PDB file of N, CA and C in Angstrom:
ATOM      1  N   MET A   1       0.841  -1.181   0.000  1.00  0.00           N
ATOM      2  CA  MET A   1       0.000   0.000   0.000  1.00  0.00           C
ATOM      3  C   MET A   1       0.880   1.235   0.000  1.00  0.00           C
ATOM      4  N   LEU A   2       0.545   2.184  -0.812  1.00  0.00           N
ATOM      5  CA  LEU A   2       1.280   3.432  -0.898  1.00  0.00           C
ATOM      6  C   LEU A   2       0.776   4.382   0.179  1.00  0.00           C
ATOM      7  N   LEU A   3       1.673   4.828   1.056  1.00  0.00           N
ATOM      8  CA  LEU A   3       1.300   5.755   2.115  1.00  0.00           C
ATOM      9  C   LEU A   3       1.718   7.154   1.703  1.00  0.00           C
ATOM     10  N   HIS A   4       0.799   8.084   1.760  1.00  0.00           N
ATOM     11  CA  HIS A   4       1.087   9.441   1.332  1.00  0.00           C
ATOM     12  C   HIS A   4       0.165  10.396   2.060  1.00  0.00           C
ATOM     13  N   ARG A   5       0.415  11.678   1.881  1.00  0.00           N
ATOM     14  CA  ARG A   5      -0.467  12.684   2.452  1.00  0.00           C
ATOM     15  C   ARG A   5      -1.827  12.590   1.790  1.00  0.00           C
ATOM     16  N   ILE A   6      -2.846  12.915   2.535  1.00  0.00           N
ATOM     17  CA  ILE A   6      -4.207  12.790   2.036  1.00  0.00           C
ATOM     18  C   ILE A   6      -4.448  13.724   0.856  1.00  0.00           C
ATOM     19  N   ASN A   7      -4.012  14.979   0.956  1.00  0.00           N
ATOM     20  CA  ASN A   7      -4.309  15.953  -0.075  1.00  0.00           C
ATOM     21  C   ASN A   7      -3.005  16.451  -0.680  1.00  0.00           C
ATOM     22  N   HIS A   8      -2.657  15.955  -1.851  1.00  0.00           N
ATOM     23  CA  HIS A   8      -1.419  16.369  -2.500  1.00  0.00           C
ATOM     24  C   HIS A   8      -1.486  17.794  -3.020  1.00  0.00           C
ATOM     25  N   GLY A   9      -2.685  18.341  -3.116  1.00  0.00           N
ATOM     26  CA  GLY A   9      -2.846  19.676  -3.649  1.00  0.00           C
ATOM     27  C   GLY A   9      -2.302  20.765  -2.748  1.00  0.00           C
ATOM     28  N   GLY A  10      -2.003  20.450  -1.507  1.00  0.00           N
ATOM     29  CA  GLY A  10      -1.387  21.406  -0.622  1.00  0.00           C
ATOM     30  C   GLY A  10      -2.349  22.144   0.283  1.00  0.00           C
ATOM     31  N   HIS A  11      -3.479  21.562   0.587  1.00  0.00           N
ATOM     32  CA  HIS A  11      -4.421  22.184   1.507  1.00  0.00           C
ATOM     33  C   HIS A  11      -3.889  21.950   2.918  1.00  0.00           C
ATOM     34  N   ARG A  12      -3.028  22.854   3.354  1.00  0.00           N
ATOM     35  CA  ARG A  12      -2.278  22.657   4.597  1.00  0.00           C
ATOM     36  C   ARG A  12      -3.176  22.621   5.821  1.00  0.00           C
ATOM     37  N   GLN A  13      -4.207  23.453   5.849  1.00  0.00           N
ATOM     38  CA  GLN A  13      -5.101  23.470   7.002  1.00  0.00           C
ATOM     39  C   GLN A  13      -5.858  22.158   7.127  1.00  0.00           C
ATOM     40  N   LEU A  14      -6.291  21.599   6.014  1.00  0.00           N
ATOM     41  CA  LEU A  14      -6.986  20.314   6.033  1.00  0.00           C
ATOM     42  C   LEU A  14      -6.043  19.208   6.504  1.00  0.00           C
ATOM     43  N   ASN A  15      -4.838  19.175   5.948  1.00  0.00           N
ATOM     44  CA  ASN A  15      -3.866  18.162   6.362  1.00  0.00           C
ATOM     45  C   ASN A  15      -3.545  18.288   7.847  1.00  0.00           C
ATOM     46  N   ALA A  16      -3.414  19.508   8.344  1.00  0.00           N
ATOM     47  CA  ALA A  16      -3.115  19.729   9.755  1.00  0.00           C
ATOM     48  C   ALA A  16      -4.274  19.274  10.640  1.00  0.00           C
ATOM     49  N   ALA A  17      -5.504  19.538  10.217  1.00  0.00           N
ATOM     50  CA  ALA A  17      -6.672  19.121  10.994  1.00  0.00           C
ATOM     51  C   ALA A  17      -6.784  17.602  11.049  1.00  0.00           C
ATOM     52  N   ILE A  18      -6.537  16.940   9.929  1.00  0.00           N
ATOM     53  CA  ILE A  18      -6.569  15.468   9.904  1.00  0.00           C
ATOM     54  C   ILE A  18      -5.473  14.910  10.788  1.00  0.00           C
ATOM     55  N   TYR A  19      -4.275  15.502  10.716  1.00  0.00           N
ATOM     56  CA  TYR A  19      -3.156  15.052  11.550  1.00  0.00           C
ATOM     57  C   TYR A  19      -3.506  15.178  13.033  1.00  0.00           C
ATOM     58  N   ARG A  20      -4.059  16.318  13.439  1.00  0.00           N
ATOM     59  CA  ARG A  20      -4.421  16.511  14.848  1.00  0.00           C
ATOM     60  C   ARG A  20      -5.498  15.524  15.278  1.00  0.00           C
ATOM     61  N   THR A  21      -6.458  15.263  14.403  1.00  0.00           N
ATOM     62  CA  THR A  21      -7.505  14.294  14.716  1.00  0.00           C
ATOM     63  C   THR A  21      -6.916  12.919  14.968  1.00  0.00           C
ATOM     64  N   VAL A  22      -5.978  12.520  14.124  1.00  0.00           N
ATOM     65  CA  VAL A  22      -5.356  11.197  14.271  1.00  0.00           C
ATOM     66  C   VAL A  22      -4.539  11.122  15.560  1.00  0.00           C
ATOM     67  N   ILE A  23      -3.777  12.162  15.867  1.00  0.00           N
ATOM     68  CA  ILE A  23      -2.966  12.160  17.084  1.00  0.00           C
ATOM     69  C   ILE A  23      -3.845  12.071  18.329  1.00  0.00           C
ATOM     70  N   VAL A  24      -4.950  12.813  18.344  1.00  0.00           N
ATOM     71  CA  VAL A  24      -5.860  12.765  19.492  1.00  0.00           C
ATOM     72  C   VAL A  24      -6.496  11.386  19.608  1.00  0.00           C
ATOM     73  N   ARG A  25      -6.896  10.805  18.480  1.00  0.00           N
ATOM     74  CA  ARG A  25      -7.471   9.451  18.512  1.00  0.00           C
ATOM     75  C   ARG A  25      -6.473   8.440  19.050  1.00  0.00           C
ATOM     76  N   MET A  26      -5.206   8.582  18.652  1.00  0.00           N
ATOM     77  CA  MET A  26      -4.181   7.641  19.113  1.00  0.00           C
ATOM     78  C   MET A  26      -3.911   7.776  20.610  1.00  0.00           C
ATOM     79  N   GLN A  27      -4.255   8.912  21.190  1.00  0.00           N
ATOM     80  CA  GLN A  27      -4.020   9.129  22.613  1.00  0.00           C
ATOM     81  C   GLN A  27      -5.247   8.840  23.481  1.00  0.00           C
ATOM     82  N   PHE A  28      -6.461   9.087  22.963  1.00  0.00           N
ATOM     83  CA  PHE A  28      -7.642   9.056  23.815  1.00  0.00           C
ATOM     84  C   PHE A  28      -8.760   8.124  23.357  1.00  0.00           C
ATOM     85  N   HIS A  29      -8.795   7.703  22.116  1.00  0.00           N
ATOM     86  CA  HIS A  29      -9.880   6.878  21.584  1.00  0.00           C
ATOM     87  C   HIS A  29      -9.508   5.410  21.772  1.00  0.00           C
ATOM     88  N   GLN A  30     -10.226   4.724  22.651  1.00  0.00           N
ATOM     89  CA  GLN A  30      -9.819   3.374  23.059  1.00  0.00           C
ATOM     90  C   GLN A  30      -9.717   2.379  21.900  1.00  0.00           C
ATOM     91  N   PRO A  31     -10.658   2.330  20.959  1.00  0.00           N
ATOM     92  CA  PRO A  31     -10.473   1.402  19.838  1.00  0.00           C
ATOM     93  C   PRO A  31      -9.202   1.688  19.031  1.00  0.00           C
ATOM     94  N   THR A  32      -8.859   2.954  18.865  1.00  0.00           N
ATOM     95  CA  THR A  32      -7.635   3.299  18.135  1.00  0.00           C
ATOM     96  C   THR A  32      -6.404   2.928  18.950  1.00  0.00           C
ATOM     97  N   ILE A  33      -6.458   3.137  20.251  1.00  0.00           N
ATOM     98  CA  ILE A  33      -5.349   2.742  21.127  1.00  0.00           C
ATOM     99  C   ILE A  33      -5.130   1.241  21.033  1.00  0.00           C
ATOM    100  N   ASP A  34      -6.214   0.466  21.055  1.00  0.00           N
ATOM    101  CA  ASP A  34      -6.119  -0.992  20.934  1.00  0.00           C
ATOM    102  C   ASP A  34      -5.534  -1.384  19.577  1.00  0.00           C
ATOM    103  N   TYR A  35      -5.947  -0.686  18.519  1.00  0.00           N
ATOM    104  CA  TYR A  35      -5.434  -0.960  17.180  1.00  0.00           C
ATOM    105  C   TYR A  35      -3.925  -0.723  17.117  1.00  0.00           C
ATOM    106  N   VAL A  36      -3.485   0.401  17.657  1.00  0.00           N
ATOM    107  CA  VAL A  36      -2.054   0.724  17.633  1.00  0.00           C
ATOM    108  C   VAL A  36      -1.270  -0.297  18.445  1.00  0.00           C
ATOM    109  N   ALA A  37      -1.793  -0.690  19.585  1.00  0.00           N
ATOM    110  CA  ALA A  37      -1.109  -1.689  20.416  1.00  0.00           C
ATOM    111  C   ALA A  37      -0.997  -3.023  19.676  1.00  0.00           C
ATOM    112  N   ARG A  38      -2.082  -3.424  19.015  1.00  0.00           N
ATOM    113  CA  ARG A  38      -2.074  -4.694  18.286  1.00  0.00           C
ATOM    114  C   ARG A  38      -1.079  -4.665  17.127  1.00  0.00           C
ATOM    115  N   ARG A  39      -1.079  -3.561  16.379  1.00  0.00           N
ATOM    116  CA  ARG A  39      -0.183  -3.466  15.220  1.00  0.00           C
ATOM    117  C   ARG A  39       1.282  -3.354  15.625  1.00  0.00           C
ATOM    118  N   THR A  40       1.568  -2.674  16.739  1.00  0.00           N
ATOM    119  CA  THR A  40       2.962  -2.570  17.171  1.00  0.00           C
ATOM    120  C   THR A  40       3.489  -3.915  17.659  1.00  0.00           C
ATOM    121  N   THR A  41       2.616  -4.747  18.227  1.00  0.00           N
ATOM    122  CA  THR A  41       3.070  -6.090  18.599  1.00  0.00           C
ATOM    123  C   THR A  41       3.305  -6.952  17.367  1.00  0.00           C
ATOM    124  N   GLU A  42       2.666  -6.596  16.247  1.00  0.00           N
ATOM    125  CA  GLU A  42       2.896  -7.301  14.984  1.00  0.00           C
ATOM    126  C   GLU A  42       4.165  -6.822  14.280  1.00  0.00           C
ATOM    127  N   GLY A  43       4.818  -5.793  14.836  1.00  0.00           N
ATOM    128  CA  GLY A  43       6.056  -5.313  14.261  1.00  0.00           C
ATOM    129  C   GLY A  43       5.929  -4.041  13.445  1.00  0.00           C
ATOM    130  N   LYS A  44       4.746  -3.467  13.401  1.00  0.00           N
ATOM    131  CA  LYS A  44       4.562  -2.215  12.671  1.00  0.00           C
ATOM    132  C   LYS A  44       5.028  -1.053  13.540  1.00  0.00           C
ATOM    133  N   THR A  45       5.374   0.060  12.896  1.00  0.00           N
ATOM    134  CA  THR A  45       5.783   1.244  13.641  1.00  0.00           C
ATOM    135  C   THR A  45       4.570   2.112  13.940  1.00  0.00           C
ATOM    136  N   LYS A  46       4.744   3.037  14.893  1.00  0.00           N
ATOM    137  CA  LYS A  46       3.645   3.954  15.196  1.00  0.00           C
ATOM    138  C   LYS A  46       3.357   4.847  14.004  1.00  0.00           C
ATOM    139  N   ARG A  47       4.379   5.175  13.235  1.00  0.00           N
ATOM    140  CA  ARG A  47       4.195   6.007  12.038  1.00  0.00           C
ATOM    141  C   ARG A  47       3.307   5.297  11.019  1.00  0.00           C
ATOM    142  N   THR A  48       3.497   4.001  10.855  1.00  0.00           N
ATOM    143  CA  THR A  48       2.650   3.229   9.949  1.00  0.00           C
ATOM    144  C   THR A  48       1.218   3.189  10.465  1.00  0.00           C
ATOM    145  N   CYS A  49       1.054   2.988  11.756  1.00  0.00           N
ATOM    146  CA  CYS A  49      -0.287   2.990  12.347  1.00  0.00           C
ATOM    147  C   CYS A  49      -0.948   4.346  12.161  1.00  0.00           C
ATOM    148  N   GLN A  50      -0.168   5.400  12.296  1.00  0.00           N
ATOM    149  CA  GLN A  50      -0.691   6.744  12.102  1.00  0.00           C
ATOM    150  C   GLN A  50      -1.151   6.935  10.657  1.00  0.00           C
ATOM    151  N   ALA A  51      -0.398   6.426   9.715  1.00  0.00           N
ATOM    152  CA  ALA A  51      -0.758   6.569   8.304  1.00  0.00           C
ATOM    153  C   ALA A  51      -2.056   5.826   7.993  1.00  0.00           C
ATOM    154  N   PHE A  52      -2.201   4.609   8.507  1.00  0.00           N
ATOM    155  CA  PHE A  52      -3.419   3.844   8.252  1.00  0.00           C
ATOM    156  C   PHE A  52      -4.620   4.478   8.959  1.00  0.00           C
ATOM    157  N   THR A  53      -4.403   5.018  10.154  1.00  0.00           N
ATOM    158  CA  THR A  53      -5.483   5.693  10.864  1.00  0.00           C
ATOM    159  C   THR A  53      -5.888   6.961  10.120  1.00  0.00           C
ATOM    160  N   THR A  54      -4.924   7.641   9.515  1.00  0.00           N
ATOM    161  CA  THR A  54      -5.232   8.830   8.720  1.00  0.00           C
ATOM    162  C   THR A  54      -6.143   8.474   7.560  1.00  0.00           C
ATOM    163  N   VAL A  55      -5.855   7.380   6.883  1.00  0.00           N
ATOM    164  CA  VAL A  55      -6.700   6.928   5.777  1.00  0.00           C
ATOM    165  C   VAL A  55      -8.098   6.623   6.291  1.00  0.00           C
ATOM    166  N   PHE A  56      -8.193   5.979   7.463  1.00  0.00           N
ATOM    167  CA  PHE A  56      -9.486   5.647   8.044  1.00  0.00           C
ATOM    168  C   PHE A  56     -10.268   6.914   8.385  1.00  0.00           C
ATOM    169  N   VAL A  57      -9.616   7.885   9.003  1.00  0.00           N
ATOM    170  CA  VAL A  57     -10.282   9.125   9.397  1.00  0.00           C
ATOM    171  C   VAL A  57     -10.755   9.904   8.175  1.00  0.00           C
ATOM    172  N   ASN A  58     -10.002   9.863   7.112  1.00  0.00           N
ATOM    173  CA  ASN A  58     -10.316  10.645   5.933  1.00  0.00           C
ATOM    174  C   ASN A  58     -11.440  10.031   5.093  1.00  0.00           C
ATOM    175  N   CYS A  59     -11.782   8.779   5.322  1.00  0.00           N
ATOM    176  CA  CYS A  59     -12.831   8.126   4.522  1.00  0.00           C
ATOM    177  C   CYS A  59     -14.209   8.563   4.915  1.00  0.00           C
TER     178      CYS A  59
END
């Protein structure tokens, strides 16, 4: 899977809002915390988990 920024057009405010949403979810949203814990035990990095969560949030 190709991991990239959501909006290549350069909508910086949108990208920043999505990034903040993902960071808050990774800290406070229990299903997301469980997902990150499960994926890190599988050998994935937090950055990879953040990228996949970003795709999920943006859908």
